[in-house]
Each structure stands twice: as structure tokens, then as C-alpha cells.
């Protein structure tokens, strides 16, 4: 059985989370969250794009694997496994995947829009 975790769910088993396609070559898994905090995993195929966007949430991204060209606030850098990126609320950001990989995103507060249609 696959499901979206419930808010405040203490244990979230990865194998039971739902991978959702969010764009060509990009999937997202919603992990644990509360009203004030949300953990999300994004998996990218090589050359997949996370379109430039902004939102009213502060976001920290930890690169789990792969390599990405990230743009944050008009500055672009190549990031790899172990790098951490801060995207404060309202700052335009996006990426292009250079080597297939995964990103772990932490949002403050949680992204209610990710749960629409749940």
C-alpha cells in the first residue's frame, strides 16, 4: 500500500511513500512533515530541469547524489553530493541536472500545495 504520510506522522517508511512525477525526468516523494516543517526528496534524471520559480517558504536543499547546475537569485553554481543550498522565501531558483541524482529539500513552513488533491 502506498500513501502520503499524515501530518505529524512519527515514522514514514520510504517504501510506502508515493513517487510523483513533477516534470519530465523529475519525481518527488513527500516524507515527514508538520505545519511548520516539511521534508521532501526529489529524484532527477540527467538533463532534467527544475524550472525557475519562487515561493513563500524558506528551503534548504541537501544534495544526496548527482551533480546539478543551480541558479539562486541570479547566481549559478555547480553542486554535488554533500553540498547544501539556502533559498530564502521569495528568492527565484531552479536547476538543471548534470548527473542523475537526488536532492533532499526541507521547507519552512510546510508546502500545503504539495498535498493538494491528496
PDB file of N, CA and C in Angstrom:
ATOM      1  N   UNK A   1       0.842  -1.184   0.000  1.00  0.00           N
ATOM      2  CA  UNK A   1       0.000   0.000   0.000  1.00  0.00           C
ATOM      3  C   UNK A   1       0.884   1.244   0.000  1.00  0.00           C
ATOM      4  N   UNK A   2       0.606   2.193  -0.883  1.00  0.00           N
ATOM      5  CA  UNK A   2       1.345   3.449  -0.957  1.00  0.00           C
ATOM      6  C   UNK A   2       0.460   4.574  -0.447  1.00  0.00           C
ATOM      7  N   UNK A   3       1.070   5.568   0.172  1.00  0.00           N
ATOM      8  CA  UNK A   3       0.281   6.640   0.759  1.00  0.00           C
ATOM      9  C   UNK A   3       1.104   7.909   0.898  1.00  0.00           C
ATOM     10  N   UNK A   4       0.378   9.013   1.109  1.00  0.00           N
ATOM     11  CA  UNK A   4       1.037  10.237   1.566  1.00  0.00           C
ATOM     12  C   UNK A   4       1.118  10.128   3.072  1.00  0.00           C
ATOM     13  N   UNK A   5       2.231  10.490   3.647  1.00  0.00           N
ATOM     14  CA  UNK A   5       2.278  10.493   5.106  1.00  0.00           C
ATOM     15  C   UNK A   5       1.252  11.486   5.659  1.00  0.00           C
ATOM     16  N   UNK A   6       0.817  11.246   6.864  1.00  0.00           N
ATOM     17  CA  UNK A   6      -0.066  12.178   7.557  1.00  0.00           C
ATOM     18  C   UNK A   6       0.781  13.224   8.274  1.00  0.00           C
ATOM     19  N   UNK A   7       0.211  14.384   8.464  1.00  0.00           N
ATOM     20  CA  UNK A   7       0.893  15.422   9.221  1.00  0.00           C
ATOM     21  C   UNK A   7       1.197  14.877  10.622  1.00  0.00           C
ATOM     22  N   UNK A   8       2.392  15.120  11.101  1.00  0.00           N
ATOM     23  CA  UNK A   8       2.866  14.681  12.425  1.00  0.00           C
ATOM     24  C   UNK A   8       3.106  13.176  12.513  1.00  0.00           C
ATOM     25  N   UNK A   9       3.129  12.488  11.384  1.00  0.00           N
ATOM     26  CA  UNK A   9       3.389  11.043  11.414  1.00  0.00           C
ATOM     27  C   UNK A   9       4.821  10.813  11.861  1.00  0.00           C
ATOM     28  N   UNK A  10       5.002  10.084  12.925  1.00  0.00           N
ATOM     29  CA  UNK A  10       6.318   9.899  13.535  1.00  0.00           C
ATOM     30  C   UNK A  10       7.255   9.041  12.688  1.00  0.00           C
ATOM     31  N   UNK A  11       6.749   7.989  12.092  1.00  0.00           N
ATOM     32  CA  UNK A  11       7.568   7.084  11.290  1.00  0.00           C
ATOM     33  C   UNK A  11       7.031   7.092   9.861  1.00  0.00           C
ATOM     34  N   UNK A  12       7.887   7.386   8.901  1.00  0.00           N
ATOM     35  CA  UNK A  12       7.489   7.373   7.491  1.00  0.00           C
ATOM     36  C   UNK A  12       8.402   6.383   6.774  1.00  0.00           C
ATOM     37  N   UNK A  13       7.839   5.270   6.342  1.00  0.00           N
ATOM     38  CA  UNK A  13       8.618   4.252   5.648  1.00  0.00           C
ATOM     39  C   UNK A  13       8.745   4.633   4.182  1.00  0.00           C
ATOM     40  N   UNK A  14       9.988   4.768   3.730  1.00  0.00           N
ATOM     41  CA  UNK A  14      10.273   5.198   2.355  1.00  0.00           C
ATOM     42  C   UNK A  14       9.563   4.334   1.326  1.00  0.00           C
ATOM     43  N   UNK A  15       9.573   3.033   1.516  1.00  0.00           N
ATOM     44  CA  UNK A  15       8.997   2.098   0.537  1.00  0.00           C
ATOM     45  C   UNK A  15       7.503   2.305   0.353  1.00  0.00           C
ATOM     46  N   UNK A  16       6.849   2.968   1.292  1.00  0.00           N
ATOM     47  CA  UNK A  16       5.415   3.173   1.178  1.00  0.00           C
ATOM     48  C   UNK A  16       5.047   4.584   0.729  1.00  0.00           C
ATOM     49  N   UNK A  17       6.032   5.435   0.484  1.00  0.00           N
ATOM     50  CA  UNK A  17       5.729   6.781   0.009  1.00  0.00           C
ATOM     51  C   UNK A  17       5.463   6.756  -1.495  1.00  0.00           C
ATOM     52  N   UNK A  18       4.789   7.781  -1.964  1.00  0.00           N
ATOM     53  CA  UNK A  18       4.378   7.845  -3.368  1.00  0.00           C
ATOM     54  C   UNK A  18       5.354   8.699  -4.175  1.00  0.00           C
ATOM     55  N   UNK A  19       6.055   8.114  -5.174  1.00  0.00           N
ATOM     56  CA  UNK A  19       6.856   8.963  -6.063  1.00  0.00           C
ATOM     57  C   UNK A  19       5.922   9.590  -7.100  1.00  0.00           C
ATOM     58  N   UNK A  20       5.916  10.919  -7.162  1.00  0.00           N
ATOM     59  CA  UNK A  20       5.047  11.632  -8.099  1.00  0.00           C
ATOM     60  C   UNK A  20       5.898  12.340  -9.140  1.00  0.00           C
ATOM     61  N   UNK A  21       5.529  12.211 -10.396  1.00  0.00           N
ATOM     62  CA  UNK A  21       6.229  12.938 -11.444  1.00  0.00           C
ATOM     63  C   UNK A  21       5.827  14.403 -11.359  1.00  0.00           C
ATOM     64  N   UNK A  22       6.833  15.280 -11.296  1.00  0.00           N
ATOM     65  CA  UNK A  22       6.568  16.718 -11.207  1.00  0.00           C
ATOM     66  C   UNK A  22       6.999  17.447 -12.468  1.00  0.00           C
ATOM     67  N   UNK A  23       7.635  16.727 -13.376  1.00  0.00           N
ATOM     68  CA  UNK A  23       8.090  17.263 -14.651  1.00  0.00           C
ATOM     69  C   UNK A  23       8.849  16.167 -15.358  1.00  0.00           C
ATOM     70  N   UNK A  24       9.217  16.382 -16.615  1.00  0.00           N
ATOM     71  CA  UNK A  24       9.971  15.357 -17.334  1.00  0.00           C
ATOM     72  C   UNK A  24      11.272  15.007 -16.605  1.00  0.00           C
ATOM     73  N   UNK A  25      11.396  13.743 -16.204  1.00  0.00           N
ATOM     74  CA  UNK A  25      12.616  13.282 -15.554  1.00  0.00           C
ATOM     75  C   UNK A  25      12.758  13.666 -14.093  1.00  0.00           C
ATOM     76  N   UNK A  26      11.682  14.145 -13.463  1.00  0.00           N
ATOM     77  CA  UNK A  26      11.746  14.565 -12.061  1.00  0.00           C
ATOM     78  C   UNK A  26      10.599  13.916 -11.286  1.00  0.00           C
ATOM     79  N   UNK A  27      10.939  13.281 -10.155  1.00  0.00           N
ATOM     80  CA  UNK A  27       9.912  12.750  -9.267  1.00  0.00           C
ATOM     81  C   UNK A  27      10.138  13.282  -7.855  1.00  0.00           C
ATOM     82  N   UNK A  28       9.020  13.398  -7.121  1.00  0.00           N
ATOM     83  CA  UNK A  28       9.060  13.930  -5.752  1.00  0.00           C
ATOM     84  C   UNK A  28       8.400  12.920  -4.828  1.00  0.00           C
ATOM     85  N   UNK A  29       8.985  12.762  -3.636  1.00  0.00           N
ATOM     86  CA  UNK A  29       8.385  11.962  -2.571  1.00  0.00           C
ATOM     87  C   UNK A  29       8.212  12.864  -1.358  1.00  0.00           C
ATOM     88  N   UNK A  30       6.989  12.968  -0.871  1.00  0.00           N
ATOM     89  CA  UNK A  30       6.733  13.705   0.360  1.00  0.00           C
ATOM     90  C   UNK A  30       7.063  12.779   1.513  1.00  0.00           C
ATOM     91  N   UNK A  31       7.903  13.262   2.413  1.00  0.00           N
ATOM     92  CA  UNK A  31       8.326  12.465   3.562  1.00  0.00           C
ATOM     93  C   UNK A  31       7.640  13.036   4.812  1.00  0.00           C
ATOM     94  N   UNK A  32       8.294  13.128   5.920  1.00  0.00           N
ATOM     95  CA  UNK A  32       7.677  13.608   7.160  1.00  0.00           C
ATOM     96  C   UNK A  32       7.425  15.112   7.107  1.00  0.00           C
ATOM     97  N   UNK A  33       6.358  15.547   7.814  1.00  0.00           N
ATOM     98  CA  UNK A  33       6.069  16.981   7.874  1.00  0.00           C
ATOM     99  C   UNK A  33       5.135  17.320   9.040  1.00  0.00           C
ATOM    100  N   UNK A  34       5.205  18.584   9.417  1.00  0.00           N
ATOM    101  CA  UNK A  34       4.301  19.199  10.377  1.00  0.00           C
ATOM    102  C   UNK A  34       3.819  20.492   9.726  1.00  0.00           C
ATOM    103  N   UNK A  35       3.032  21.296  10.452  1.00  0.00           N
ATOM    104  CA  UNK A  35       2.621  22.583   9.893  1.00  0.00           C
ATOM    105  C   UNK A  35       3.822  23.476   9.592  1.00  0.00           C
ATOM    106  N   UNK A  36       4.856  23.383  10.419  1.00  0.00           N
ATOM    107  CA  UNK A  36       5.972  24.304  10.296  1.00  0.00           C
ATOM    108  C   UNK A  36       7.174  23.798   9.532  1.00  0.00           C
ATOM    109  N   UNK A  37       7.172  22.527   9.091  1.00  0.00           N
ATOM    110  CA  UNK A  37       8.371  21.930   8.515  1.00  0.00           C
ATOM    111  C   UNK A  37       7.978  20.768   7.607  1.00  0.00           C
ATOM    112  N   UNK A  38       8.700  20.621   6.472  1.00  0.00           N
ATOM    113  CA  UNK A  38       8.409  19.511   5.554  1.00  0.00           C
ATOM    114  C   UNK A  38       9.702  19.007   4.932  1.00  0.00           C
ATOM    115  N   UNK A  39       9.815  17.674   4.833  1.00  0.00           N
ATOM    116  CA  UNK A  39      10.970  17.018   4.215  1.00  0.00           C
ATOM    117  C   UNK A  39      10.493  16.334   2.936  1.00  0.00           C
ATOM    118  N   UNK A  40      11.192  16.609   1.817  1.00  0.00           N
ATOM    119  CA  UNK A  40      10.800  16.107   0.503  1.00  0.00           C
ATOM    120  C   UNK A  40      12.044  15.634  -0.237  1.00  0.00           C
ATOM    121  N   UNK A  41      11.937  14.495  -0.922  1.00  0.00           N
ATOM    122  CA  UNK A  41      13.030  14.000  -1.762  1.00  0.00           C
ATOM    123  C   UNK A  41      12.653  14.193  -3.223  1.00  0.00           C
ATOM    124  N   UNK A  42      13.587  14.728  -4.005  1.00  0.00           N
ATOM    125  CA  UNK A  42      13.400  14.892  -5.449  1.00  0.00           C
ATOM    126  C   UNK A  42      14.474  14.097  -6.184  1.00  0.00           C
ATOM    127  N   UNK A  43      14.039  13.288  -7.143  1.00  0.00           N
ATOM    128  CA  UNK A  43      14.954  12.478  -7.948  1.00  0.00           C
ATOM    129  C   UNK A  43      14.961  13.035  -9.366  1.00  0.00           C
ATOM    130  N   UNK A  44      16.157  13.262  -9.907  1.00  0.00           N
ATOM    131  CA  UNK A  44      16.319  13.850 -11.245  1.00  0.00           C
ATOM    132  C   UNK A  44      17.075  12.907 -12.154  1.00  0.00           C
ATOM    133  N   UNK A  45      16.580  12.755 -13.372  1.00  0.00           N
ATOM    134  CA  UNK A  45      17.343  12.086 -14.425  1.00  0.00           C
ATOM    135  C   UNK A  45      18.284  13.124 -15.034  1.00  0.00           C
ATOM    136  N   UNK A  46      19.358  12.645 -15.660  1.00  0.00           N
ATOM    137  CA  UNK A  46      20.298  13.559 -16.320  1.00  0.00           C
ATOM    138  C   UNK A  46      19.546  14.458 -17.300  1.00  0.00           C
ATOM    139  N   UNK A  47      19.886  15.737 -17.299  1.00  0.00           N
ATOM    140  CA  UNK A  47      19.329  16.789 -18.160  1.00  0.00           C
ATOM    141  C   UNK A  47      17.918  17.242 -17.765  1.00  0.00           C
ATOM    142  N   UNK A  48      17.330  16.663 -16.715  1.00  0.00           N
ATOM    143  CA  UNK A  48      16.020  17.134 -16.251  1.00  0.00           C
ATOM    144  C   UNK A  48      16.186  18.531 -15.651  1.00  0.00           C
ATOM    145  N   UNK A  49      15.106  19.312 -15.722  1.00  0.00           N
ATOM    146  CA  UNK A  49      15.149  20.706 -15.283  1.00  0.00           C
ATOM    147  C   UNK A  49      14.129  20.951 -14.176  1.00  0.00           C
ATOM    148  N   UNK A  50      14.569  21.635 -13.155  1.00  0.00           N
ATOM    149  CA  UNK A  50      13.674  22.199 -12.149  1.00  0.00           C
ATOM    150  C   UNK A  50      13.503  23.659 -12.539  1.00  0.00           C
ATOM    151  N   UNK A  51      12.379  24.002 -13.136  1.00  0.00           N
ATOM    152  CA  UNK A  51      12.166  25.339 -13.696  1.00  0.00           C
ATOM    153  C   UNK A  51      12.357  26.433 -12.642  1.00  0.00           C
ATOM    154  N   UNK A  52      12.827  27.602 -13.094  1.00  0.00           N
ATOM    155  CA  UNK A  52      12.974  28.746 -12.199  1.00  0.00           C
ATOM    156  C   UNK A  52      11.616  29.087 -11.588  1.00  0.00           C
ATOM    157  N   UNK A  53      11.607  29.309 -10.278  1.00  0.00           N
ATOM    158  CA  UNK A  53      10.383  29.627  -9.559  1.00  0.00           C
ATOM    159  C   UNK A  53      10.733  30.236  -8.208  1.00  0.00           C
ATOM    160  N   UNK A  54       9.733  30.714  -7.521  1.00  0.00           N
ATOM    161  CA  UNK A  54       9.913  31.172  -6.139  1.00  0.00           C
ATOM    162  C   UNK A  54       8.651  30.801  -5.367  1.00  0.00           C
ATOM    163  N   UNK A  55       8.734  30.843  -4.053  1.00  0.00           N
ATOM    164  CA  UNK A  55       7.595  30.519  -3.197  1.00  0.00           C
ATOM    165  C   UNK A  55       7.808  31.172  -1.833  1.00  0.00           C
ATOM    166  N   UNK A  56       6.734  31.295  -1.059  1.00  0.00           N
ATOM    167  CA  UNK A  56       6.850  31.953   0.248  1.00  0.00           C
ATOM    168  C   UNK A  56       7.300  31.004   1.358  1.00  0.00           C
ATOM    169  N   UNK A  57       8.278  30.173   1.062  1.00  0.00           N
ATOM    170  CA  UNK A  57       8.819  29.222   2.033  1.00  0.00           C
ATOM    171  C   UNK A  57      10.337  29.333   1.987  1.00  0.00           C
ATOM    172  N   UNK A  58      10.988  29.227   3.116  1.00  0.00           N
ATOM    173  CA  UNK A  58      12.435  29.077   3.112  1.00  0.00           C
ATOM    174  C   UNK A  58      12.718  27.607   2.839  1.00  0.00           C
ATOM    175  N   UNK A  59      13.727  27.358   1.998  1.00  0.00           N
ATOM    176  CA  UNK A  59      14.041  25.991   1.572  1.00  0.00           C
ATOM    177  C   UNK A  59      15.534  25.758   1.699  1.00  0.00           C
ATOM    178  N   UNK A  60      15.887  24.653   2.336  1.00  0.00           N
ATOM    179  CA  UNK A  60      17.275  24.198   2.354  1.00  0.00           C
ATOM    180  C   UNK A  60      17.317  22.911   1.545  1.00  0.00           C
ATOM    181  N   UNK A  61      18.263  22.832   0.624  1.00  0.00           N
ATOM    182  CA  UNK A  61      18.437  21.645  -0.208  1.00  0.00           C
ATOM    183  C   UNK A  61      19.779  21.009   0.117  1.00  0.00           C
ATOM    184  N   UNK A  62      19.762  19.711   0.358  1.00  0.00           N
ATOM    185  CA  UNK A  62      20.972  18.924   0.566  1.00  0.00           C
ATOM    186  C   UNK A  62      21.101  17.987  -0.627  1.00  0.00           C
ATOM    187  N   UNK A  63      22.251  18.012  -1.283  1.00  0.00           N
ATOM    188  CA  UNK A  63      22.477  17.162  -2.453  1.00  0.00           C
ATOM    189  C   UNK A  63      22.880  15.767  -1.969  1.00  0.00           C
ATOM    190  N   UNK A  64      21.976  14.805  -2.173  1.00  0.00           N
ATOM    191  CA  UNK A  64      22.235  13.425  -1.774  1.00  0.00           C
ATOM    192  C   UNK A  64      23.153  12.712  -2.755  1.00  0.00           C
ATOM    193  N   UNK A  65      22.966  12.997  -4.056  1.00  0.00           N
ATOM    194  CA  UNK A  65      23.787  12.355  -5.096  1.00  0.00           C
ATOM    195  C   UNK A  65      23.649  13.156  -6.379  1.00  0.00           C
ATOM    196  N   UNK A  66      24.529  12.875  -7.330  1.00  0.00           N
ATOM    197  CA  UNK A  66      24.469  13.533  -8.633  1.00  0.00           C
ATOM    198  C   UNK A  66      25.176  14.881  -8.650  1.00  0.00           C
ATOM    199  N   UNK A  67      24.941  15.613  -9.728  1.00  0.00           N
ATOM    200  CA  UNK A  67      25.506  16.956  -9.899  1.00  0.00           C
ATOM    201  C   UNK A  67      24.450  17.821 -10.569  1.00  0.00           C
ATOM    202  N   UNK A  68      24.371  19.083 -10.143  1.00  0.00           N
ATOM    203  CA  UNK A  68      23.332  19.999 -10.607  1.00  0.00           C
ATOM    204  C   UNK A  68      23.923  21.374 -10.852  1.00  0.00           C
ATOM    205  N   UNK A  69      23.442  22.057 -11.877  1.00  0.00           N
ATOM    206  CA  UNK A  69      23.728  23.478 -12.066  1.00  0.00           C
ATOM    207  C   UNK A  69      22.536  24.205 -11.449  1.00  0.00           C
ATOM    208  N   UNK A  70      22.748  24.834 -10.311  1.00  0.00           N
ATOM    209  CA  UNK A  70      21.677  25.523  -9.590  1.00  0.00           C
ATOM    210  C   UNK A  70      21.796  27.017  -9.766  1.00  0.00           C
ATOM    211  N   UNK A  71      20.666  27.656 -10.005  1.00  0.00           N
ATOM    212  CA  UNK A  71      20.610  29.117 -10.012  1.00  0.00           C
ATOM    213  C   UNK A  71      19.786  29.545  -8.810  1.00  0.00           C
ATOM    214  N   UNK A  72      20.360  30.449  -8.022  1.00  0.00           N
ATOM    215  CA  UNK A  72      19.662  31.011  -6.869  1.00  0.00           C
ATOM    216  C   UNK A  72      19.880  32.514  -6.902  1.00  0.00           C
ATOM    217  N   UNK A  73      18.798  33.269  -7.018  1.00  0.00           N
ATOM    218  CA  UNK A  73      18.904  34.723  -7.009  1.00  0.00           C
ATOM    219  C   UNK A  73      19.806  35.278  -8.091  1.00  0.00           C
ATOM    220  N   UNK A  74      19.822  34.633  -9.264  1.00  0.00           N
ATOM    221  CA  UNK A  74      20.613  35.114 -10.392  1.00  0.00           C
ATOM    222  C   UNK A  74      22.041  34.606 -10.437  1.00  0.00           C
ATOM    223  N   UNK A  75      22.477  33.858  -9.430  1.00  0.00           N
ATOM    224  CA  UNK A  75      23.838  33.290  -9.404  1.00  0.00           C
ATOM    225  C   UNK A  75      23.749  31.789  -9.653  1.00  0.00           C
ATOM    226  N   UNK A  76      24.610  31.264 -10.542  1.00  0.00           N
ATOM    227  CA  UNK A  76      24.609  29.838 -10.861  1.00  0.00           C
ATOM    228  C   UNK A  76      25.910  29.197 -10.392  1.00  0.00           C
ATOM    229  N   UNK A  77      25.767  28.033  -9.770  1.00  0.00           N
ATOM    230  CA  UNK A  77      26.919  27.239  -9.330  1.00  0.00           C
ATOM    231  C   UNK A  77      26.639  25.764  -9.570  1.00  0.00           C
ATOM    232  N   UNK A  78      27.711  24.996  -9.731  1.00  0.00           N
ATOM    233  CA  UNK A  78      27.612  23.542  -9.835  1.00  0.00           C
ATOM    234  C   UNK A  78      27.696  22.986  -8.416  1.00  0.00           C
ATOM    235  N   UNK A  79      26.733  22.108  -8.065  1.00  0.00           N
ATOM    236  CA  UNK A  79      26.732  21.499  -6.734  1.00  0.00           C
ATOM    237  C   UNK A  79      26.719  19.983  -6.875  1.00  0.00           C
ATOM    238  N   UNK A  80      27.294  19.335  -5.876  1.00  0.00           N
ATOM    239  CA  UNK A  80      27.421  17.877  -5.876  1.00  0.00           C
ATOM    240  C   UNK A  80      27.100  17.309  -4.495  1.00  0.00           C
ATOM    241  N   UNK A  81      27.159  15.990  -4.391  1.00  0.00           N
ATOM    242  CA  UNK A  81      26.848  15.290  -3.158  1.00  0.00           C
ATOM    243  C   UNK A  81      27.478  15.972  -1.942  1.00  0.00           C
ATOM    244  N   UNK A  82      26.647  16.213  -0.934  1.00  0.00           N
ATOM    245  CA  UNK A  82      27.115  16.809   0.309  1.00  0.00           C
ATOM    246  C   UNK A  82      26.951  18.316   0.381  1.00  0.00           C
ATOM    247  N   UNK A  83      26.738  18.977  -0.759  1.00  0.00           N
ATOM    248  CA  UNK A  83      26.557  20.433  -0.754  1.00  0.00           C
ATOM    249  C   UNK A  83      25.166  20.786  -0.239  1.00  0.00           C
ATOM    250  N   UNK A  84      25.071  21.954   0.383  1.00  0.00           N
ATOM    251  CA  UNK A  84      23.812  22.447   0.929  1.00  0.00           C
ATOM    252  C   UNK A  84      23.534  23.826   0.355  1.00  0.00           C
ATOM    253  N   UNK A  85      22.265  24.079   0.009  1.00  0.00           N
ATOM    254  CA  UNK A  85      21.863  25.351  -0.603  1.00  0.00           C
ATOM    255  C   UNK A  85      20.736  25.961   0.209  1.00  0.00           C
ATOM    256  N   UNK A  86      20.787  27.275   0.406  1.00  0.00           N
ATOM    257  CA  UNK A  86      19.735  28.001   1.111  1.00  0.00           C
ATOM    258  C   UNK A  86      18.984  28.872   0.120  1.00  0.00           C
ATOM    259  N   UNK A  87      17.661  28.700   0.093  1.00  0.00           N
ATOM    260  CA  UNK A  87      16.798  29.514  -0.767  1.00  0.00           C
ATOM    261  C   UNK A  87      15.749  30.146   0.137  1.00  0.00           C
ATOM    262  N   UNK A  88      15.960  31.410   0.464  1.00  0.00           N
ATOM    263  CA  UNK A  88      15.026  32.078   1.358  1.00  0.00           C
ATOM    264  C   UNK A  88      13.736  32.409   0.621  1.00  0.00           C
ATOM    265  N   UNK A  89      12.672  32.631   1.377  1.00  0.00           N
ATOM    266  CA  UNK A  89      11.358  32.846   0.770  1.00  0.00           C
ATOM    267  C   UNK A  89      11.395  34.002  -0.222  1.00  0.00           C
ATOM    268  N   UNK A  90      10.782  33.747  -1.375  1.00  0.00           N
ATOM    269  CA  UNK A  90      10.693  34.750  -2.425  1.00  0.00           C
ATOM    270  C   UNK A  90      11.867  34.802  -3.385  1.00  0.00           C
ATOM    271  N   UNK A  91      12.950  34.083  -3.113  1.00  0.00           N
ATOM    272  CA  UNK A  91      14.129  34.103  -3.991  1.00  0.00           C
ATOM    273  C   UNK A  91      13.907  33.139  -5.163  1.00  0.00           C
ATOM    274  N   UNK A  92      14.134  33.616  -6.380  1.00  0.00           N
ATOM    275  CA  UNK A  92      13.959  32.794  -7.579  1.00  0.00           C
ATOM    276  C   UNK A  92      15.100  31.776  -7.655  1.00  0.00           C
ATOM    277  N   UNK A  93      14.734  30.514  -7.933  1.00  0.00           N
ATOM    278  CA  UNK A  93      15.738  29.456  -8.013  1.00  0.00           C
ATOM    279  C   UNK A  93      15.256  28.343  -8.949  1.00  0.00           C
ATOM    280  N   UNK A  94      16.195  27.549  -9.421  1.00  0.00           N
ATOM    281  CA  UNK A  94      15.910  26.423 -10.289  1.00  0.00           C
ATOM    282  C   UNK A  94      17.205  25.689 -10.586  1.00  0.00           C
ATOM    283  N   UNK A  95      17.102  24.567 -11.302  1.00  0.00           N
ATOM    284  CA  UNK A  95      18.307  23.787 -11.570  1.00  0.00           C
ATOM    285  C   UNK A  95      18.185  22.985 -12.854  1.00  0.00           C
ATOM    286  N   UNK A  96      19.346  22.508 -13.301  1.00  0.00           N
ATOM    287  CA  UNK A  96      19.434  21.531 -14.391  1.00  0.00           C
ATOM    288  C   UNK A  96      20.321  20.415 -13.883  1.00  0.00           C
ATOM    289  N   UNK A  97      19.885  19.187 -14.069  1.00  0.00           N
ATOM    290  CA  UNK A  97      20.629  18.036 -13.579  1.00  0.00           C
ATOM    291  C   UNK A  97      21.737  17.669 -14.567  1.00  0.00           C
ATOM    292  N   UNK A  98      22.969  17.677 -14.100  1.00  0.00           N
ATOM    293  CA  UNK A  98      24.130  17.346 -14.936  1.00  0.00           C
ATOM    294  C   UNK A  98      24.473  15.863 -14.874  1.00  0.00           C
ATOM    295  N   UNK A  99      24.256  15.252 -13.705  1.00  0.00           N
ATOM    296  CA  UNK A  99      24.454  13.811 -13.486  1.00  0.00           C
ATOM    297  C   UNK A  99      23.275  13.353 -12.650  1.00  0.00           C
ATOM    298  N   UNK A 100      22.579  12.305 -13.065  1.00  0.00           N
ATOM    299  CA  UNK A 100      21.392  11.836 -12.349  1.00  0.00           C
ATOM    300  C   UNK A 100      21.637  11.842 -10.851  1.00  0.00           C
ATOM    301  N   UNK A 101      20.641  12.297 -10.093  1.00  0.00           N
ATOM    302  CA  UNK A 101      20.840  12.377  -8.658  1.00  0.00           C
ATOM    303  C   UNK A 101      19.575  12.668  -7.884  1.00  0.00           C
ATOM    304  N   UNK A 102      19.769  12.842  -6.575  1.00  0.00           N
ATOM    305  CA  UNK A 102      18.675  13.096  -5.652  1.00  0.00           C
ATOM    306  C   UNK A 102      18.992  14.297  -4.779  1.00  0.00           C
ATOM    307  N   UNK A 103      17.917  15.040  -4.463  1.00  0.00           N
ATOM    308  CA  UNK A 103      18.004  16.195  -3.579  1.00  0.00           C
ATOM    309  C   UNK A 103      17.050  15.983  -2.415  1.00  0.00           C
ATOM    310  N   UNK A 104      17.451  16.388  -1.231  1.00  0.00           N
ATOM    311  CA  UNK A 104      16.574  16.376  -0.062  1.00  0.00           C
ATOM    312  C   UNK A 104      16.255  17.823   0.268  1.00  0.00           C
ATOM    313  N   UNK A 105      14.972  18.177   0.205  1.00  0.00           N
ATOM    314  CA  UNK A 105      14.531  19.540   0.473  1.00  0.00           C
ATOM    315  C   UNK A 105      13.816  19.610   1.809  1.00  0.00           C
ATOM    316  N   UNK A 106      14.147  20.647   2.572  1.00  0.00           N
ATOM    317  CA  UNK A 106      13.476  20.952   3.833  1.00  0.00           C
ATOM    318  C   UNK A 106      12.809  22.311   3.647  1.00  0.00           C
ATOM    319  N   UNK A 107      11.507  22.378   3.899  1.00  0.00           N
ATOM    320  CA  UNK A 107      10.742  23.616   3.734  1.00  0.00           C
ATOM    321  C   UNK A 107      10.209  24.099   5.077  1.00  0.00           C
ATOM    322  N   UNK A 108      10.263  25.416   5.276  1.00  0.00           N
ATOM    323  CA  UNK A 108       9.673  26.065   6.441  1.00  0.00           C
ATOM    324  C   UNK A 108       8.833  27.222   5.942  1.00  0.00           C
ATOM    325  N   UNK A 109       7.521  27.273   6.185  1.00  0.00           N
ATOM    326  CA  UNK A 109       6.704  26.176   6.720  1.00  0.00           C
ATOM    327  C   UNK A 109       6.476  25.103   5.658  1.00  0.00           C
ATOM    328  N   UNK A 110       5.663  24.118   5.999  1.00  0.00           N
ATOM    329  CA  UNK A 110       5.395  23.016   5.067  1.00  0.00           C
ATOM    330  C   UNK A 110       4.722  23.525   3.798  1.00  0.00           C
ATOM    331  N   UNK A 111       4.847  22.770   2.725  1.00  0.00           N
ATOM    332  CA  UNK A 111       4.266  23.123   1.420  1.00  0.00           C
ATOM    333  C   UNK A 111       2.877  22.492   1.299  1.00  0.00           C
ATOM    334  N   UNK A 112       1.865  23.245   1.676  1.00  0.00           N
ATOM    335  CA  UNK A 112       0.493  22.748   1.556  1.00  0.00           C
ATOM    336  C   UNK A 112       0.146  22.426   0.107  1.00  0.00           C
ATOM    337  N   UNK A 113       0.709  23.199  -0.834  1.00  0.00           N
ATOM    338  CA  UNK A 113       0.406  22.972  -2.249  1.00  0.00           C
ATOM    339  C   UNK A 113       0.851  21.579  -2.716  1.00  0.00           C
ATOM    340  N   UNK A 114       1.847  20.986  -2.070  1.00  0.00           N
ATOM    341  CA  UNK A 114       2.293  19.648  -2.454  1.00  0.00           C
ATOM    342  C   UNK A 114       1.254  18.578  -2.099  1.00  0.00           C
ATOM    343  N   UNK A 115       0.344  18.903  -1.180  1.00  0.00           N
ATOM    344  CA  UNK A 115      -0.649  17.935  -0.725  1.00  0.00           C
ATOM    345  C   UNK A 115      -2.024  18.129  -1.357  1.00  0.00           C
ATOM    346  N   UNK A 116      -2.146  19.110  -2.235  1.00  0.00           N
ATOM    347  CA  UNK A 116      -3.442  19.332  -2.897  1.00  0.00           C
ATOM    348  C   UNK A 116      -3.820  18.110  -3.696  1.00  0.00           C
ATOM    349  N   UNK A 117      -5.072  17.695  -3.563  1.00  0.00           N
ATOM    350  CA  UNK A 117      -5.539  16.514  -4.272  1.00  0.00           C
ATOM    351  C   UNK A 117      -5.208  15.228  -3.558  1.00  0.00           C
ATOM    352  N   UNK A 118      -4.670  15.339  -2.351  1.00  0.00           N
ATOM    353  CA  UNK A 118      -4.272  14.164  -1.563  1.00  0.00           C
ATOM    354  C   UNK A 118      -5.453  13.298  -1.257  1.00  0.00           C
TER     355      UNK A 118
END
